[in-house]
Structures are given as structure tokens and as C-alpha cells.
């Protein structure tokens, strides 16, 4: 039996890892978090479709990493927006 690698599963895994890495790039601001969310969503779609075609562990790992990337980037984005709003509120009081 041939052991073929599913390209969509690999793509999902790579996009999930890149999405998680985007959550650590706080010096780029909200742009990095938005890119991470987008990469996570694309990775999630690829992982789900890869799991439907040919169930494998790599597709499951891609789905899990993509979900983690979406959650981390969303939390970081909300914190970034809240911090900017807080600083803007303090600056307007001065």
C-alpha cells in the first residue's frame, strides 16, 4: 500500500504554525493578528477538507493548530484594541 502525503493536510499544518507565530509578532501591531486569523481560517478549511478526503493525523494536527492560532490571534487583537482605546482615553483626559 502506498503511503501518500495529503497536500491539504500539510498546508493546514503549515498555516496553523504560521498563524501561531503571528500571535507573537506584537511589534507589528494589529496587522500581524489579522494575518494570523486569516491564516488560521484558511488552515482550518484546508484541514477539514483534508480530513474528509483522507483522514490522517497530520490533518488533525493542522485543524488543532489552526484553531489555536485563531484563538491566540483573536485574544491578542482584542487586547491590542483595548490597550489603544485605554491610552486614547487617558490622552483625551489630559
N, C-alpha and C. Protein backbone atom coordinates (compact mmCIF):
# COMPACT_ATOMS: atom_id res chain seq x y z
N UNK A 1 0.84 -1.18 0.00
CA UNK A 1 0.00 0.00 0.00
C UNK A 1 0.89 1.25 0.00
N UNK A 2 0.54 2.17 -0.83
CA UNK A 2 1.29 3.40 -0.96
C UNK A 2 0.94 4.36 0.17
N UNK A 3 1.94 5.02 0.73
CA UNK A 3 1.73 5.97 1.82
C UNK A 3 1.88 7.38 1.26
N UNK A 4 0.78 7.94 0.75
CA UNK A 4 0.80 9.26 0.13
C UNK A 4 0.53 10.33 1.17
N UNK A 5 1.21 11.44 1.02
CA UNK A 5 1.00 12.58 1.90
C UNK A 5 -0.07 13.47 1.29
N UNK A 6 -1.03 13.85 2.10
CA UNK A 6 -2.10 14.72 1.64
C UNK A 6 -1.60 16.17 1.66
N UNK A 7 -1.56 16.81 0.51
CA UNK A 7 -1.06 18.18 0.40
C UNK A 7 -1.88 19.19 1.19
N UNK A 8 -3.18 18.98 1.25
CA UNK A 8 -4.01 19.91 2.02
C UNK A 8 -3.74 19.78 3.51
N UNK A 9 -3.43 18.57 3.97
CA UNK A 9 -3.11 18.38 5.39
C UNK A 9 -1.80 19.08 5.74
N UNK A 10 -0.83 18.97 4.85
CA UNK A 10 0.45 19.65 5.06
C UNK A 10 0.24 21.17 5.05
N UNK A 11 -0.55 21.66 4.11
CA UNK A 11 -0.85 23.09 4.05
C UNK A 11 -1.55 23.58 5.30
N UNK A 12 -2.47 22.80 5.80
CA UNK A 12 -3.17 23.16 7.03
C UNK A 12 -2.22 23.23 8.20
N UNK A 13 -1.31 22.27 8.28
CA UNK A 13 -0.32 22.24 9.35
C UNK A 13 0.60 23.45 9.29
N UNK A 14 1.08 23.77 8.10
CA UNK A 14 1.98 24.91 7.92
C UNK A 14 1.26 26.22 8.23
N UNK A 15 0.04 26.38 7.76
CA UNK A 15 -0.71 27.61 8.02
C UNK A 15 -1.05 27.75 9.50
N UNK A 16 -1.32 26.64 10.17
CA UNK A 16 -1.56 26.70 11.61
C UNK A 16 -0.33 27.15 12.37
N UNK A 17 0.83 26.63 11.98
CA UNK A 17 2.08 27.05 12.63
C UNK A 17 2.36 28.52 12.36
N UNK A 18 2.19 28.95 11.12
CA UNK A 18 2.41 30.36 10.79
C UNK A 18 1.43 31.28 11.52
N UNK A 19 0.19 30.82 11.68
CA UNK A 19 -0.80 31.61 12.41
C UNK A 19 -0.41 31.78 13.87
N UNK A 20 0.10 30.71 14.47
CA UNK A 20 0.55 30.81 15.86
C UNK A 20 1.75 31.75 15.96
N UNK A 21 2.66 31.67 15.02
CA UNK A 21 3.81 32.57 15.03
C UNK A 21 3.39 34.03 14.90
N UNK A 22 2.33 34.29 14.16
CA UNK A 22 1.84 35.67 14.01
C UNK A 22 1.35 36.25 15.33
N UNK A 23 0.91 35.39 16.25
CA UNK A 23 0.43 35.90 17.53
C UNK A 23 1.57 36.42 18.39
N UNK A 24 2.82 36.10 18.05
CA UNK A 24 3.97 36.57 18.82
C UNK A 24 4.60 37.83 18.24
N UNK A 25 4.13 38.31 17.09
CA UNK A 25 4.70 39.49 16.46
C UNK A 25 3.94 40.74 16.89
N UNK A 26 4.03 41.07 18.18
CA UNK A 26 3.28 42.21 18.69
C UNK A 26 3.84 43.54 18.19
N UNK A 27 5.11 43.56 17.80
CA UNK A 27 5.70 44.82 17.33
C UNK A 27 5.11 45.26 15.99
N UNK A 28 4.45 44.36 15.28
CA UNK A 28 3.79 44.73 14.03
C UNK A 28 2.38 45.25 14.25
N UNK A 29 1.88 45.10 15.46
CA UNK A 29 0.56 45.61 15.80
C UNK A 29 -0.56 44.70 15.35
N UNK A 30 -1.70 45.28 15.13
CA UNK A 30 -2.92 44.53 14.81
C UNK A 30 -2.84 43.84 13.46
N UNK A 31 -1.97 44.29 12.58
CA UNK A 31 -1.85 43.68 11.26
C UNK A 31 -1.41 42.22 11.38
N UNK A 32 -0.46 41.95 12.26
CA UNK A 32 0.03 40.58 12.44
C UNK A 32 -1.09 39.69 12.97
N UNK A 33 -1.91 40.22 13.86
CA UNK A 33 -3.00 39.42 14.42
C UNK A 33 -4.07 39.13 13.36
N UNK A 34 -4.36 40.11 12.53
CA UNK A 34 -5.33 39.88 11.45
C UNK A 34 -4.80 38.86 10.45
N UNK A 35 -3.52 38.93 10.12
CA UNK A 35 -2.92 37.95 9.22
C UNK A 35 -2.98 36.56 9.86
N UNK A 36 -2.71 36.49 11.16
CA UNK A 36 -2.78 35.21 11.86
C UNK A 36 -4.17 34.62 11.86
N UNK A 37 -5.18 35.46 12.03
CA UNK A 37 -6.56 34.98 11.99
C UNK A 37 -6.91 34.46 10.59
N UNK A 38 -6.49 35.20 9.58
CA UNK A 38 -6.77 34.78 8.20
C UNK A 38 -6.07 33.46 7.88
N UNK A 39 -4.79 33.35 8.27
CA UNK A 39 -4.06 32.11 8.05
C UNK A 39 -4.71 30.94 8.80
N UNK A 40 -5.17 31.22 10.02
CA UNK A 40 -5.83 30.17 10.80
C UNK A 40 -7.13 29.70 10.17
N UNK A 41 -7.90 30.63 9.64
CA UNK A 41 -9.16 30.26 9.00
C UNK A 41 -8.91 29.43 7.73
N UNK A 42 -7.94 29.87 6.93
CA UNK A 42 -7.61 29.10 5.72
C UNK A 42 -7.08 27.72 6.09
N UNK A 43 -6.23 27.67 7.11
CA UNK A 43 -5.71 26.38 7.57
C UNK A 43 -6.79 25.47 8.11
N UNK A 44 -7.77 26.04 8.78
CA UNK A 44 -8.89 25.26 9.31
C UNK A 44 -9.72 24.67 8.17
N UNK A 45 -9.98 25.47 7.15
CA UNK A 45 -10.75 24.98 6.00
C UNK A 45 -9.98 23.87 5.28
N UNK A 46 -8.68 24.08 5.07
CA UNK A 46 -7.87 23.04 4.43
C UNK A 46 -7.82 21.76 5.26
N UNK A 47 -7.68 21.91 6.57
CA UNK A 47 -7.61 20.74 7.44
C UNK A 47 -8.90 19.94 7.45
N UNK A 48 -10.03 20.63 7.48
CA UNK A 48 -11.32 19.93 7.48
C UNK A 48 -11.54 19.21 6.16
N UNK A 49 -11.21 19.87 5.05
CA UNK A 49 -11.40 19.20 3.76
C UNK A 49 -10.41 18.05 3.57
N UNK A 50 -9.20 18.17 4.11
CA UNK A 50 -8.23 17.08 4.03
C UNK A 50 -8.68 15.90 4.88
N UNK A 51 -9.26 16.19 6.03
CA UNK A 51 -9.76 15.13 6.92
C UNK A 51 -10.92 14.38 6.27
N UNK A 52 -11.75 15.08 5.50
CA UNK A 52 -12.86 14.43 4.81
C UNK A 52 -12.36 13.52 3.69
N UNK A 53 -11.34 13.97 2.97
CA UNK A 53 -10.81 13.18 1.85
C UNK A 53 -10.06 11.95 2.32
N UNK A 54 -9.11 12.17 3.23
CA UNK A 54 -8.25 11.09 3.68
C UNK A 54 -7.88 11.36 5.14
N UNK A 55 -8.60 10.76 6.08
CA UNK A 55 -8.32 11.02 7.50
C UNK A 55 -6.89 10.62 7.87
N UNK A 56 -6.16 11.57 8.45
CA UNK A 56 -4.81 11.28 8.92
C UNK A 56 -4.49 12.21 10.09
N UNK A 57 -3.43 11.87 10.78
CA UNK A 57 -3.03 12.65 11.95
C UNK A 57 -2.56 14.04 11.60
N UNK A 58 -1.97 14.19 10.42
CA UNK A 58 -1.48 15.50 10.03
C UNK A 58 -2.63 16.48 9.81
N UNK A 59 -3.73 16.00 9.28
CA UNK A 59 -4.91 16.86 9.10
C UNK A 59 -5.47 17.27 10.45
N UNK A 60 -5.51 16.33 11.39
CA UNK A 60 -5.99 16.65 12.73
C UNK A 60 -5.09 17.68 13.40
N UNK A 61 -3.78 17.50 13.26
CA UNK A 61 -2.83 18.46 13.84
C UNK A 61 -3.00 19.84 13.20
N UNK A 62 -3.24 19.88 11.90
CA UNK A 62 -3.47 21.15 11.23
C UNK A 62 -4.73 21.84 11.72
N UNK A 63 -5.78 21.06 11.95
CA UNK A 63 -7.02 21.64 12.47
C UNK A 63 -6.80 22.21 13.87
N UNK A 64 -6.13 21.44 14.72
CA UNK A 64 -5.90 21.89 16.10
C UNK A 64 -5.01 23.14 16.13
N UNK A 65 -3.94 23.13 15.36
CA UNK A 65 -3.06 24.30 15.33
C UNK A 65 -3.75 25.52 14.74
N UNK A 66 -4.60 25.32 13.77
CA UNK A 66 -5.34 26.45 13.18
C UNK A 66 -6.32 27.04 14.18
N UNK A 67 -6.98 26.19 14.95
CA UNK A 67 -7.91 26.69 15.98
C UNK A 67 -7.14 27.46 17.04
N UNK A 68 -5.99 26.92 17.46
CA UNK A 68 -5.17 27.62 18.45
C UNK A 68 -4.71 28.97 17.91
N UNK A 69 -4.32 29.01 16.64
CA UNK A 69 -3.87 30.26 16.03
C UNK A 69 -4.99 31.29 16.00
N UNK A 70 -6.19 30.86 15.64
CA UNK A 70 -7.33 31.79 15.59
C UNK A 70 -7.61 32.35 16.98
N UNK A 71 -7.62 31.48 17.98
CA UNK A 71 -7.94 31.92 19.35
C UNK A 71 -6.86 32.86 19.88
N UNK A 72 -5.58 32.49 19.71
CA UNK A 72 -4.49 33.34 20.20
C UNK A 72 -4.49 34.71 19.53
N UNK A 73 -4.65 34.72 18.22
CA UNK A 73 -4.64 35.99 17.50
C UNK A 73 -5.87 36.84 17.82
N UNK A 74 -7.02 36.20 18.01
CA UNK A 74 -8.22 36.96 18.36
C UNK A 74 -8.09 37.59 19.74
N UNK A 75 -7.57 36.83 20.71
CA UNK A 75 -7.37 37.38 22.05
C UNK A 75 -6.35 38.51 22.02
N UNK A 76 -5.26 38.33 21.27
CA UNK A 76 -4.24 39.37 21.17
C UNK A 76 -4.79 40.62 20.48
N UNK A 77 -5.62 40.42 19.46
CA UNK A 77 -6.21 41.56 18.75
C UNK A 77 -7.14 42.34 19.67
N UNK A 78 -7.96 41.64 20.43
CA UNK A 78 -8.86 42.32 21.37
C UNK A 78 -8.06 43.07 22.42
N UNK A 79 -6.98 42.47 22.94
CA UNK A 79 -6.14 43.14 23.93
C UNK A 79 -5.46 44.36 23.34
N UNK A 80 -5.03 44.26 22.08
CA UNK A 80 -4.38 45.39 21.41
C UNK A 80 -5.35 46.55 21.22
N UNK A 81 -6.54 46.25 20.79
CA UNK A 81 -7.56 47.29 20.60
C UNK A 81 -7.94 47.92 21.95
N UNK A 82 -8.06 47.09 22.98
CA UNK A 82 -8.41 47.61 24.31
C UNK A 82 -7.30 48.51 24.84
N UNK A 83 -6.06 48.13 24.60
CA UNK A 83 -4.93 48.93 25.06
C UNK A 83 -4.88 50.28 24.36
N UNK A 84 -5.11 50.29 23.06
CA UNK A 84 -5.12 51.53 22.30
C UNK A 84 -6.28 52.42 22.76
N UNK A 85 -7.43 51.82 23.01
CA UNK A 85 -8.59 52.60 23.50
C UNK A 85 -8.31 53.17 24.88
N UNK A 86 -7.64 52.42 25.72
CA UNK A 86 -7.32 52.89 27.06
C UNK A 86 -6.33 54.06 27.00
N UNK A 87 -5.31 53.93 26.19
CA UNK A 87 -4.34 55.00 26.03
C UNK A 87 -5.00 56.24 25.42
N UNK A 88 -5.88 56.03 24.46
CA UNK A 88 -6.61 57.16 23.86
C UNK A 88 -7.52 57.84 24.87
N UNK A 89 -8.14 57.07 25.76
CA UNK A 89 -8.98 57.67 26.79
C UNK A 89 -8.19 58.47 27.79
N UNK A 90 -7.01 57.97 28.15
CA UNK A 90 -6.16 58.69 29.09
C UNK A 90 -5.62 59.96 28.45
N UNK A 91 -5.27 59.88 27.19
CA UNK A 91 -4.72 61.06 26.49
C UNK A 91 -5.78 62.13 26.33
N UNK A 92 -7.02 61.74 26.15
CA UNK A 92 -8.08 62.74 25.97
C UNK A 92 -8.43 63.44 27.28
N UNK A 93 -8.12 62.81 28.41
CA UNK A 93 -8.40 63.43 29.71
C UNK A 93 -7.37 64.46 30.08
N UNK A 94 -6.21 64.44 29.44
CA UNK A 94 -5.13 65.36 29.81
C UNK A 94 -5.37 66.70 29.23
